[in-house]
mmCIF file of all heavy atoms, coordinates in Angstrom:
data_MODEL
# 
_entry.id   MODEL 
# 
loop_
_atom_site.group_PDB 
_atom_site.id 
_atom_site.type_symbol 
_atom_site.label_atom_id 
_atom_site.label_alt_id 
_atom_site.label_comp_id 
_atom_site.label_asym_id 
_atom_site.label_entity_id 
_atom_site.label_seq_id 
_atom_site.pdbx_PDB_ins_code 
_atom_site.Cartn_x 
_atom_site.Cartn_y 
_atom_site.Cartn_z 
_atom_site.occupancy 
_atom_site.B_iso_or_equiv 
_atom_site.pdbx_formal_charge 
_atom_site.auth_seq_id 
_atom_site.auth_comp_id 
_atom_site.auth_asym_id 
_atom_site.auth_atom_id 
_atom_site.pdbx_PDB_model_num 
ATOM 1   N N   . PRO A 1 1  ? 117.084 97.034  84.084  1.00 0.00 ? 1  PRO A N   1 
ATOM 2   C CA  . PRO A 1 1  ? 117.143 98.465  84.411  1.00 0.00 ? 1  PRO A CA  1 
ATOM 3   C C   . PRO A 1 1  ? 116.852 98.767  85.877  1.00 0.00 ? 1  PRO A C   1 
ATOM 4   O O   . PRO A 1 1  ? 117.020 99.910  86.313  1.00 0.00 ? 1  PRO A O   1 
ATOM 5   C CB  . PRO A 1 1  ? 116.054 99.069  83.512  1.00 0.00 ? 1  PRO A CB  1 
ATOM 6   C CG  . PRO A 1 1  ? 115.903 98.111  82.392  1.00 0.00 ? 1  PRO A CG  1 
ATOM 7   C CD  . PRO A 1 1  ? 116.119 96.764  83.002  1.00 0.00 ? 1  PRO A CD  1 
ATOM 8   N N   . PHE A 1 2  ? 116.458 97.745  86.660  1.00 0.00 ? 2  PHE A N   1 
ATOM 9   C CA  . PHE A 1 2  ? 116.098 97.966  88.053  1.00 0.00 ? 2  PHE A CA  1 
ATOM 10  C C   . PHE A 1 2  ? 117.085 97.320  89.027  1.00 0.00 ? 2  PHE A C   1 
ATOM 11  O O   . PHE A 1 2  ? 116.841 97.278  90.218  1.00 0.00 ? 2  PHE A O   1 
ATOM 12  C CB  . PHE A 1 2  ? 114.678 97.445  88.311  1.00 0.00 ? 2  PHE A CB  1 
ATOM 13  C CG  . PHE A 1 2  ? 113.660 98.084  87.402  1.00 0.00 ? 2  PHE A CG  1 
ATOM 14  C CD1 . PHE A 1 2  ? 113.212 97.421  86.278  1.00 0.00 ? 2  PHE A CD1 1 
ATOM 15  C CD2 . PHE A 1 2  ? 113.190 99.362  87.658  1.00 0.00 ? 2  PHE A CD2 1 
ATOM 16  C CE1 . PHE A 1 2  ? 112.293 98.011  85.422  1.00 0.00 ? 2  PHE A CE1 1 
ATOM 17  C CE2 . PHE A 1 2  ? 112.278 99.961  86.814  1.00 0.00 ? 2  PHE A CE2 1 
ATOM 18  C CZ  . PHE A 1 2  ? 111.818 99.297  85.689  1.00 0.00 ? 2  PHE A CZ  1 
ATOM 19  N N   . ASP A 1 3  ? 118.193 96.792  88.511  1.00 0.00 ? 3  ASP A N   1 
ATOM 20  C CA  . ASP A 1 3  ? 119.230 96.278  89.420  1.00 0.00 ? 3  ASP A CA  1 
ATOM 21  C C   . ASP A 1 3  ? 120.608 96.491  88.800  1.00 0.00 ? 3  ASP A C   1 
ATOM 22  O O   . ASP A 1 3  ? 121.166 97.584  88.901  1.00 0.00 ? 3  ASP A O   1 
ATOM 23  C CB  . ASP A 1 3  ? 118.978 94.815  89.819  1.00 0.00 ? 3  ASP A CB  1 
ATOM 24  C CG  . ASP A 1 3  ? 118.628 93.909  88.642  1.00 0.00 ? 3  ASP A CG  1 
ATOM 25  O OD1 . ASP A 1 3  ? 119.448 93.799  87.725  1.00 0.00 ? 3  ASP A OD1 1 
ATOM 26  O OD2 . ASP A 1 3  ? 117.544 93.302  88.666  1.00 0.00 ? 3  ASP A OD2 1 
ATOM 27  N N   . LEU A 1 4  ? 121.189 95.470  88.159  1.00 0.00 ? 4  LEU A N   1 
ATOM 28  C CA  . LEU A 1 4  ? 122.549 95.585  87.623  1.00 0.00 ? 4  LEU A CA  1 
ATOM 29  C C   . LEU A 1 4  ? 122.519 96.292  86.267  1.00 0.00 ? 4  LEU A C   1 
ATOM 30  O O   . LEU A 1 4  ? 122.567 95.658  85.210  1.00 0.00 ? 4  LEU A O   1 
ATOM 31  C CB  . LEU A 1 4  ? 123.180 94.199  87.490  1.00 0.00 ? 4  LEU A CB  1 
ATOM 32  C CG  . LEU A 1 4  ? 123.348 93.385  88.771  1.00 0.00 ? 4  LEU A CG  1 
ATOM 33  C CD1 . LEU A 1 4  ? 124.064 92.078  88.461  1.00 0.00 ? 4  LEU A CD1 1 
ATOM 34  C CD2 . LEU A 1 4  ? 124.111 94.167  89.834  1.00 0.00 ? 4  LEU A CD2 1 
ATOM 35  N N   . ARG A 1 5  ? 122.481 97.612  86.298  1.00 0.00 ? 5  ARG A N   1 
ATOM 36  C CA  . ARG A 1 5  ? 122.482 98.387  85.064  1.00 0.00 ? 5  ARG A CA  1 
ATOM 37  C C   . ARG A 1 5  ? 123.877 98.322  84.426  1.00 0.00 ? 5  ARG A C   1 
ATOM 38  O O   . ARG A 1 5  ? 124.869 98.637  85.063  1.00 0.00 ? 5  ARG A O   1 
ATOM 39  C CB  . ARG A 1 5  ? 122.099 99.831  85.374  1.00 0.00 ? 5  ARG A CB  1 
ATOM 40  C CG  . ARG A 1 5  ? 120.627 100.025 85.727  1.00 0.00 ? 5  ARG A CG  1 
ATOM 41  C CD  . ARG A 1 5  ? 120.407 101.093 86.767  1.00 0.00 ? 5  ARG A CD  1 
ATOM 42  N NE  . ARG A 1 5  ? 120.749 100.621 88.095  1.00 0.00 ? 5  ARG A NE  1 
ATOM 43  C CZ  . ARG A 1 5  ? 120.780 101.405 89.176  1.00 0.00 ? 5  ARG A CZ  1 
ATOM 44  N NH1 . ARG A 1 5  ? 120.509 102.695 89.072  1.00 0.00 ? 5  ARG A NH1 1 
ATOM 45  N NH2 . ARG A 1 5  ? 121.095 100.894 90.352  1.00 0.00 ? 5  ARG A NH2 1 
ATOM 46  N N   . GLY A 1 6  ? 123.920 97.914  83.178  1.00 0.00 ? 6  GLY A N   1 
ATOM 47  C CA  . GLY A 1 6  ? 125.179 97.700  82.480  1.00 0.00 ? 6  GLY A CA  1 
ATOM 48  C C   . GLY A 1 6  ? 125.193 96.385  81.728  1.00 0.00 ? 6  GLY A C   1 
ATOM 49  O O   . GLY A 1 6  ? 126.016 96.179  80.833  1.00 0.00 ? 6  GLY A O   1 
ATOM 50  N N   . TYR A 1 7  ? 124.258 95.492  82.084  1.00 0.00 ? 7  TYR A N   1 
ATOM 51  C CA  . TYR A 1 7  ? 124.095 94.210  81.403  1.00 0.00 ? 7  TYR A CA  1 
ATOM 52  C C   . TYR A 1 7  ? 122.832 94.270  80.541  1.00 0.00 ? 7  TYR A C   1 
ATOM 53  O O   . TYR A 1 7  ? 121.804 94.772  80.977  1.00 0.00 ? 7  TYR A O   1 
ATOM 54  C CB  . TYR A 1 7  ? 123.977 93.069  82.418  1.00 0.00 ? 7  TYR A CB  1 
ATOM 55  C CG  . TYR A 1 7  ? 125.246 92.826  83.198  1.00 0.00 ? 7  TYR A CG  1 
ATOM 56  C CD1 . TYR A 1 7  ? 125.540 93.574  84.336  1.00 0.00 ? 7  TYR A CD1 1 
ATOM 57  C CD2 . TYR A 1 7  ? 126.157 91.854  82.796  1.00 0.00 ? 7  TYR A CD2 1 
ATOM 58  C CE1 . TYR A 1 7  ? 126.710 93.370  85.052  1.00 0.00 ? 7  TYR A CE1 1 
ATOM 59  C CE2 . TYR A 1 7  ? 127.328 91.636  83.505  1.00 0.00 ? 7  TYR A CE2 1 
ATOM 60  C CZ  . TYR A 1 7  ? 127.602 92.400  84.634  1.00 0.00 ? 7  TYR A CZ  1 
ATOM 61  O OH  . TYR A 1 7  ? 128.761 92.192  85.337  1.00 0.00 ? 7  TYR A OH  1 
ATOM 62  N N   . TYR A 1 8  ? 122.926 93.753  79.329  1.00 0.00 ? 8  TYR A N   1 
ATOM 63  C CA  . TYR A 1 8  ? 121.749 93.703  78.472  1.00 0.00 ? 8  TYR A CA  1 
ATOM 64  C C   . TYR A 1 8  ? 120.652 92.883  79.142  1.00 0.00 ? 8  TYR A C   1 
ATOM 65  O O   . TYR A 1 8  ? 120.927 91.872  79.793  1.00 0.00 ? 8  TYR A O   1 
ATOM 66  C CB  . TYR A 1 8  ? 122.085 93.075  77.117  1.00 0.00 ? 8  TYR A CB  1 
ATOM 67  C CG  . TYR A 1 8  ? 122.879 93.966  76.188  1.00 0.00 ? 8  TYR A CG  1 
ATOM 68  C CD1 . TYR A 1 8  ? 124.201 93.655  75.873  1.00 0.00 ? 8  TYR A CD1 1 
ATOM 69  C CD2 . TYR A 1 8  ? 122.315 95.107  75.631  1.00 0.00 ? 8  TYR A CD2 1 
ATOM 70  C CE1 . TYR A 1 8  ? 124.939 94.457  75.009  1.00 0.00 ? 8  TYR A CE1 1 
ATOM 71  C CE2 . TYR A 1 8  ? 123.042 95.914  74.765  1.00 0.00 ? 8  TYR A CE2 1 
ATOM 72  C CZ  . TYR A 1 8  ? 124.355 95.593  74.465  1.00 0.00 ? 8  TYR A CZ  1 
ATOM 73  O OH  . TYR A 1 8  ? 125.086 96.394  73.630  1.00 0.00 ? 8  TYR A OH  1 
ATOM 74  N N   . MET A 1 9  ? 119.406 93.312  78.955  1.00 0.00 ? 9  MET A N   1 
ATOM 75  C CA  . MET A 1 9  ? 118.274 92.575  79.497  1.00 0.00 ? 9  MET A CA  1 
ATOM 76  C C   . MET A 1 9  ? 118.259 91.157  78.921  1.00 0.00 ? 9  MET A C   1 
ATOM 77  O O   . MET A 1 9  ? 118.231 90.972  77.701  1.00 0.00 ? 9  MET A O   1 
ATOM 78  C CB  . MET A 1 9  ? 116.966 93.285  79.141  1.00 0.00 ? 9  MET A CB  1 
ATOM 79  C CG  . MET A 1 9  ? 115.721 92.565  79.597  1.00 0.00 ? 9  MET A CG  1 
ATOM 80  S SD  . MET A 1 9  ? 115.365 92.804  81.347  1.00 0.00 ? 9  MET A SD  1 
ATOM 81  C CE  . MET A 1 9  ? 114.519 94.367  81.278  1.00 0.00 ? 9  MET A CE  1 
ATOM 82  N N   . GLY A 1 10 ? 118.314 90.167  79.802  1.00 0.00 ? 10 GLY A N   1 
ATOM 83  C CA  . GLY A 1 10 ? 118.308 88.780  79.353  1.00 0.00 ? 10 GLY A CA  1 
ATOM 84  C C   . GLY A 1 10 ? 119.663 88.255  78.921  1.00 0.00 ? 10 GLY A C   1 
ATOM 85  O O   . GLY A 1 10 ? 119.769 87.109  78.469  1.00 0.00 ? 10 GLY A O   1 
ATOM 86  N N   . GLN A 1 11 ? 120.703 89.075  79.057  1.00 0.00 ? 11 GLN A N   1 
ATOM 87  C CA  . GLN A 1 11 ? 122.033 88.610  78.652  1.00 0.00 ? 11 GLN A CA  1 
ATOM 88  C C   . GLN A 1 11 ? 122.497 87.450  79.520  1.00 0.00 ? 11 GLN A C   1 
ATOM 89  O O   . GLN A 1 11 ? 123.215 86.559  79.047  1.00 0.00 ? 11 GLN A O   1 
ATOM 90  C CB  . GLN A 1 11 ? 123.029 89.770  78.732  1.00 0.00 ? 11 GLN A CB  1 
ATOM 91  C CG  . GLN A 1 11 ? 124.417 89.432  78.214  1.00 0.00 ? 11 GLN A CG  1 
ATOM 92  C CD  . GLN A 1 11 ? 125.327 90.655  78.167  1.00 0.00 ? 11 GLN A CD  1 
ATOM 93  O OE1 . GLN A 1 11 ? 124.949 91.737  78.601  1.00 0.00 ? 11 GLN A OE1 1 
ATOM 94  N NE2 . GLN A 1 11 ? 126.523 90.481  77.642  1.00 0.00 ? 11 GLN A NE2 1 
ATOM 95  N N   . TYR A 1 12 ? 122.093 87.456  80.785  1.00 0.00 ? 12 TYR A N   1 
ATOM 96  C CA  . TYR A 1 12 ? 122.418 86.358  81.696  1.00 0.00 ? 12 TYR A CA  1 
ATOM 97  C C   . TYR A 1 12 ? 121.125 85.815  82.296  1.00 0.00 ? 12 TYR A C   1 
ATOM 98  O O   . TYR A 1 12 ? 120.370 86.562  82.928  1.00 0.00 ? 12 TYR A O   1 
ATOM 99  C CB  . TYR A 1 12 ? 123.368 86.843  82.798  1.00 0.00 ? 12 TYR A CB  1 
ATOM 100 C CG  . TYR A 1 12 ? 124.760 87.106  82.281  1.00 0.00 ? 12 TYR A CG  1 
ATOM 101 C CD1 . TYR A 1 12 ? 125.105 88.349  81.766  1.00 0.00 ? 12 TYR A CD1 1 
ATOM 102 C CD2 . TYR A 1 12 ? 125.717 86.096  82.278  1.00 0.00 ? 12 TYR A CD2 1 
ATOM 103 C CE1 . TYR A 1 12 ? 126.387 88.590  81.269  1.00 0.00 ? 12 TYR A CE1 1 
ATOM 104 C CE2 . TYR A 1 12 ? 126.992 86.319  81.784  1.00 0.00 ? 12 TYR A CE2 1 
ATOM 105 C CZ  . TYR A 1 12 ? 127.317 87.566  81.276  1.00 0.00 ? 12 TYR A CZ  1 
ATOM 106 O OH  . TYR A 1 12 ? 128.587 87.786  80.782  1.00 0.00 ? 12 TYR A OH  1 
ATOM 107 N N   . ARG A 1 13 ? 120.878 84.542  82.066  1.00 0.00 ? 13 ARG A N   1 
ATOM 108 C CA  . ARG A 1 13 ? 119.654 83.928  82.585  1.00 0.00 ? 13 ARG A CA  1 
ATOM 109 C C   . ARG A 1 13 ? 119.932 82.485  82.984  1.00 0.00 ? 13 ARG A C   1 
ATOM 110 O O   . ARG A 1 13 ? 120.724 81.775  82.355  1.00 0.00 ? 13 ARG A O   1 
ATOM 111 C CB  . ARG A 1 13 ? 118.509 84.003  81.565  1.00 0.00 ? 13 ARG A CB  1 
ATOM 112 C CG  . ARG A 1 13 ? 118.662 83.128  80.350  1.00 0.00 ? 13 ARG A CG  1 
ATOM 113 C CD  . ARG A 1 13 ? 117.457 83.239  79.432  1.00 0.00 ? 13 ARG A CD  1 
ATOM 114 N NE  . ARG A 1 13 ? 117.436 84.498  78.708  1.00 0.00 ? 13 ARG A NE  1 
ATOM 115 C CZ  . ARG A 1 13 ? 116.344 85.029  78.146  1.00 0.00 ? 13 ARG A CZ  1 
ATOM 116 N NH1 . ARG A 1 13 ? 115.189 84.403  78.247  1.00 0.00 ? 13 ARG A NH1 1 
ATOM 117 N NH2 . ARG A 1 13 ? 116.410 86.162  77.480  1.00 0.00 ? 13 ARG A NH2 1 
ATOM 118 N N   . ASP A 1 14 ? 119.280 82.076  84.072  1.00 0.00 ? 14 ASP A N   1 
ATOM 119 C CA  . ASP A 1 14 ? 119.376 80.702  84.543  1.00 0.00 ? 14 ASP A CA  1 
ATOM 120 C C   . ASP A 1 14 ? 118.199 80.478  85.490  1.00 0.00 ? 14 ASP A C   1 
ATOM 121 O O   . ASP A 1 14 ? 117.325 81.342  85.623  1.00 0.00 ? 14 ASP A O   1 
ATOM 122 C CB  . ASP A 1 14 ? 120.714 80.434  85.228  1.00 0.00 ? 14 ASP A CB  1 
ATOM 123 C CG  . ASP A 1 14 ? 121.178 78.983  85.068  1.00 0.00 ? 14 ASP A CG  1 
ATOM 124 O OD1 . ASP A 1 14 ? 120.300 78.093  85.018  1.00 0.00 ? 14 ASP A OD1 1 
ATOM 125 O OD2 . ASP A 1 14 ? 122.398 78.747  85.004  1.00 0.00 ? 14 ASP A OD2 1 
ATOM 126 N N   . LYS A 1 15 ? 118.184 79.355  86.186  1.00 0.00 ? 15 LYS A N   1 
ATOM 127 C CA  . LYS A 1 15 ? 117.070 79.088  87.091  1.00 0.00 ? 15 LYS A CA  1 
ATOM 128 C C   . LYS A 1 15 ? 117.215 79.801  88.433  1.00 0.00 ? 15 LYS A C   1 
ATOM 129 O O   . LYS A 1 15 ? 116.261 79.839  89.215  1.00 0.00 ? 15 LYS A O   1 
ATOM 130 C CB  . LYS A 1 15 ? 116.920 77.580  87.305  1.00 0.00 ? 15 LYS A CB  1 
ATOM 131 C CG  . LYS A 1 15 ? 116.347 76.848  86.095  1.00 0.00 ? 15 LYS A CG  1 
ATOM 132 C CD  . LYS A 1 15 ? 115.977 75.417  86.431  1.00 0.00 ? 15 LYS A CD  1 
ATOM 133 C CE  . LYS A 1 15 ? 115.232 74.749  85.270  1.00 0.00 ? 15 LYS A CE  1 
ATOM 134 N NZ  . LYS A 1 15 ? 114.807 73.372  85.600  1.00 0.00 ? 15 LYS A NZ  1 
ATOM 135 N N   . SER A 1 16 ? 118.387 80.343  88.709  1.00 0.00 ? 16 SER A N   1 
ATOM 136 C CA  . SER A 1 16 ? 118.596 81.022  89.990  1.00 0.00 ? 16 SER A CA  1 
ATOM 137 C C   . SER A 1 16 ? 119.460 82.261  89.785  1.00 0.00 ? 16 SER A C   1 
ATOM 138 O O   . SER A 1 16 ? 120.512 82.195  89.144  1.00 0.00 ? 16 SER A O   1 
ATOM 139 C CB  . SER A 1 16 ? 119.255 80.065  90.984  1.00 0.00 ? 16 SER A CB  1 
ATOM 140 O OG  . SER A 1 16 ? 119.250 80.609  92.285  1.00 0.00 ? 16 SER A OG  1 
ATOM 141 N N   . SER A 1 17 ? 118.996 83.393  90.334  1.00 0.00 ? 17 SER A N   1 
ATOM 142 C CA  . SER A 1 17 ? 119.715 84.660  90.191  1.00 0.00 ? 17 SER A CA  1 
ATOM 143 C C   . SER A 1 17 ? 119.679 85.407  91.519  1.00 0.00 ? 17 SER A C   1 
ATOM 144 O O   . SER A 1 17 ? 118.625 85.504  92.167  1.00 0.00 ? 17 SER A O   1 
ATOM 145 C CB  . SER A 1 17 ? 119.064 85.510  89.087  1.00 0.00 ? 17 SER A CB  1 
ATOM 146 O OG  . SER A 1 17 ? 119.516 86.840  89.127  1.00 0.00 ? 17 SER A OG  1 
ATOM 147 N N   . HIS A 1 18 ? 120.827 85.953  91.928  1.00 0.00 ? 18 HIS A N   1 
ATOM 148 C CA  . HIS A 1 18 ? 120.920 86.697  93.185  1.00 0.00 ? 18 HIS A CA  1 
ATOM 149 C C   . HIS A 1 18 ? 121.673 88.007  92.937  1.00 0.00 ? 18 HIS A C   1 
ATOM 150 O O   . HIS A 1 18 ? 122.647 88.028  92.170  1.00 0.00 ? 18 HIS A O   1 
ATOM 151 C CB  . HIS A 1 18 ? 121.649 85.885  94.261  1.00 0.00 ? 18 HIS A CB  1 
ATOM 152 C CG  . HIS A 1 18 ? 121.322 84.423  94.241  1.00 0.00 ? 18 HIS A CG  1 
ATOM 153 N ND1 . HIS A 1 18 ? 120.108 83.924  94.674  1.00 0.00 ? 18 HIS A ND1 1 
ATOM 154 C CD2 . HIS A 1 18 ? 122.034 83.352  93.815  1.00 0.00 ? 18 HIS A CD2 1 
ATOM 155 C CE1 . HIS A 1 18 ? 120.100 82.607  94.533  1.00 0.00 ? 18 HIS A CE1 1 
ATOM 156 N NE2 . HIS A 1 18 ? 121.256 82.235  94.001  1.00 0.00 ? 18 HIS A NE2 1 
ATOM 157 N N   . VAL A 1 19 ? 121.245 89.078  93.611  1.00 0.00 ? 19 VAL A N   1 
ATOM 158 C CA  . VAL A 1 19 ? 121.854 90.398  93.425  1.00 0.00 ? 19 VAL A CA  1 
ATOM 159 C C   . VAL A 1 19 ? 122.026 91.074  94.779  1.00 0.00 ? 19 VAL A C   1 
ATOM 160 O O   . VAL A 1 19 ? 121.124 91.029  95.627  1.00 0.00 ? 19 VAL A O   1 
ATOM 161 C CB  . VAL A 1 19 ? 120.979 91.293  92.515  1.00 0.00 ? 19 VAL A CB  1 
ATOM 162 C CG1 . VAL A 1 19 ? 121.474 92.734  92.524  1.00 0.00 ? 19 VAL A CG1 1 
ATOM 163 C CG2 . VAL A 1 19 ? 120.972 90.764  91.093  1.00 0.00 ? 19 VAL A CG2 1 
ATOM 164 N N   . VAL A 1 20 ? 123.180 91.711  94.997  1.00 0.00 ? 20 VAL A N   1 
ATOM 165 C CA  . VAL A 1 20 ? 123.394 92.595  96.145  1.00 0.00 ? 20 VAL A CA  1 
ATOM 166 C C   . VAL A 1 20 ? 123.922 93.919  95.594  1.00 0.00 ? 20 VAL A C   1 
ATOM 167 O O   . VAL A 1 20 ? 124.788 93.930  94.709  1.00 0.00 ? 20 VAL A O   1 
ATOM 168 C CB  . VAL A 1 20 ? 124.376 92.006  97.180  1.00 0.00 ? 20 VAL A CB  1 
ATOM 169 C CG1 . VAL A 1 20 ? 123.764 90.823  97.887  1.00 0.00 ? 20 VAL A CG1 1 
ATOM 170 C CG2 . VAL A 1 20 ? 125.695 91.615  96.532  1.00 0.00 ? 20 VAL A CG2 1 
ATOM 171 N N   . MET A 1 21 ? 123.394 95.029  96.121  1.00 0.00 ? 21 MET A N   1 
ATOM 172 C CA  . MET A 1 21 ? 123.775 96.347  95.626  1.00 0.00 ? 21 MET A CA  1 
ATOM 173 C C   . MET A 1 21 ? 123.704 97.378  96.735  1.00 0.00 ? 21 MET A C   1 
ATOM 174 O O   . MET A 1 21 ? 122.913 97.256  97.671  1.00 0.00 ? 21 MET A O   1 
ATOM 175 C CB  . MET A 1 21 ? 122.828 96.804  94.495  1.00 0.00 ? 21 MET A CB  1 
ATOM 176 C CG  . MET A 1 21 ? 122.909 96.035  93.218  1.00 0.00 ? 21 MET A CG  1 
ATOM 177 S SD  . MET A 1 21 ? 121.830 96.778  91.974  1.00 0.00 ? 21 MET A SD  1 
ATOM 178 C CE  . MET A 1 21 ? 122.639 98.367  91.779  1.00 0.00 ? 21 MET A CE  1 
ATOM 179 N N   . ALA A 1 22 ? 124.516 98.434  96.594  1.00 0.00 ? 22 ALA A N   1 
ATOM 180 C CA  . ALA A 1 22 ? 124.440 99.609  97.459  1.00 0.00 ? 22 ALA A CA  1 
ATOM 181 C C   . ALA A 1 22 ? 124.498 100.845 96.572  1.00 0.00 ? 22 ALA A C   1 
ATOM 182 O O   . ALA A 1 22 ? 125.280 100.884 95.603  1.00 0.00 ? 22 ALA A O   1 
ATOM 183 C CB  . ALA A 1 22 ? 125.571 99.629  98.481  1.00 0.00 ? 22 ALA A CB  1 
ATOM 184 N N   . GLU A 1 23 ? 123.675 101.846 96.888  1.00 0.00 ? 23 GLU A N   1 
ATOM 185 C CA  . GLU A 1 23 ? 123.589 103.041 96.049  1.00 0.00 ? 23 GLU A CA  1 
ATOM 186 C C   . GLU A 1 23 ? 123.504 104.292 96.918  1.00 0.00 ? 23 GLU A C   1 
ATOM 187 O O   . GLU A 1 23 ? 122.686 104.364 97.841  1.00 0.00 ? 23 GLU A O   1 
ATOM 188 C CB  . GLU A 1 23 ? 122.364 102.944 95.134  1.00 0.00 ? 23 GLU A CB  1 
ATOM 189 C CG  . GLU A 1 23 ? 122.200 104.108 94.175  1.00 0.00 ? 23 GLU A CG  1 
ATOM 190 C CD  . GLU A 1 23 ? 121.155 103.830 93.097  1.00 0.00 ? 23 GLU A CD  1 
ATOM 191 O OE1 . GLU A 1 23 ? 121.399 102.933 92.259  1.00 0.00 ? 23 GLU A OE1 1 
ATOM 192 O OE2 . GLU A 1 23 ? 120.097 104.495 93.097  1.00 0.00 ? 23 GLU A OE2 1 
ATOM 193 N N   . TYR A 1 24 ? 124.354 105.283 96.622  1.00 0.00 ? 24 TYR A N   1 
ATOM 194 C CA  . TYR A 1 24 ? 124.313 106.572 97.316  1.00 0.00 ? 24 TYR A CA  1 
ATOM 195 C C   . TYR A 1 24 ? 123.559 107.566 96.434  1.00 0.00 ? 24 TYR A C   1 
ATOM 196 O O   . TYR A 1 24 ? 123.865 107.712 95.244  1.00 0.00 ? 24 TYR A O   1 
ATOM 197 C CB  . TYR A 1 24 ? 125.722 107.091 97.593  1.00 0.00 ? 24 TYR A CB  1 
ATOM 198 C CG  . TYR A 1 24 ? 125.731 108.465 98.230  1.00 0.00 ? 24 TYR A CG  1 
ATOM 199 C CD1 . TYR A 1 24 ? 125.382 108.629 99.567  1.00 0.00 ? 24 TYR A CD1 1 
ATOM 200 C CD2 . TYR A 1 24 ? 126.071 109.593 97.491  1.00 0.00 ? 24 TYR A CD2 1 
ATOM 201 C CE1 . TYR A 1 24 ? 125.371 109.891 100.150 1.00 0.00 ? 24 TYR A CE1 1 
ATOM 202 C CE2 . TYR A 1 24 ? 126.065 110.850 98.062  1.00 0.00 ? 24 TYR A CE2 1 
ATOM 203 C CZ  . TYR A 1 24 ? 125.714 110.990 99.398  1.00 0.00 ? 24 TYR A CZ  1 
ATOM 204 O OH  . TYR A 1 24 ? 125.698 112.237 99.970  1.00 0.00 ? 24 TYR A OH  1 
ATOM 205 N N   . ARG A 1 25 ? 122.587 108.270 97.030  1.00 0.00 ? 25 ARG A N   1 
ATOM 206 C CA  . ARG A 1 25 ? 121.755 109.221 96.299  1.00 0.00 ? 25 ARG A CA  1 
ATOM 207 C C   . ARG A 1 25 ? 121.797 110.582 96.983  1.00 0.00 ? 25 ARG A C   1 
ATOM 208 O O   . ARG A 1 25 ? 121.658 110.662 98.202  1.00 0.00 ? 25 ARG A O   1 
ATOM 209 C CB  . ARG A 1 25 ? 120.305 108.726 96.235  1.00 0.00 ? 25 ARG A CB  1 
ATOM 210 C CG  . ARG A 1 25 ? 120.151 107.338 95.633  1.00 0.00 ? 25 ARG A CG  1 
ATOM 211 C CD  . ARG A 1 25 ? 118.767 106.763 95.842  1.00 0.00 ? 25 ARG A CD  1 
ATOM 212 N NE  . ARG A 1 25 ? 118.659 105.420 95.275  1.00 0.00 ? 25 ARG A NE  1 
ATOM 213 C CZ  . ARG A 1 25 ? 117.618 104.615 95.472  1.00 0.00 ? 25 ARG A CZ  1 
ATOM 214 N NH1 . ARG A 1 25 ? 116.595 105.009 96.230  1.00 0.00 ? 25 ARG A NH1 1 
ATOM 215 N NH2 . ARG A 1 25 ? 117.603 103.411 94.923  1.00 0.00 ? 25 ARG A NH2 1 
# 
């Protein structure tokens, strides 16, 4: 709920995860 909203929590998991995002408010 604090980054890629749209994926179930824990739906994707591994030893390494990276995220890039941009948001207009």
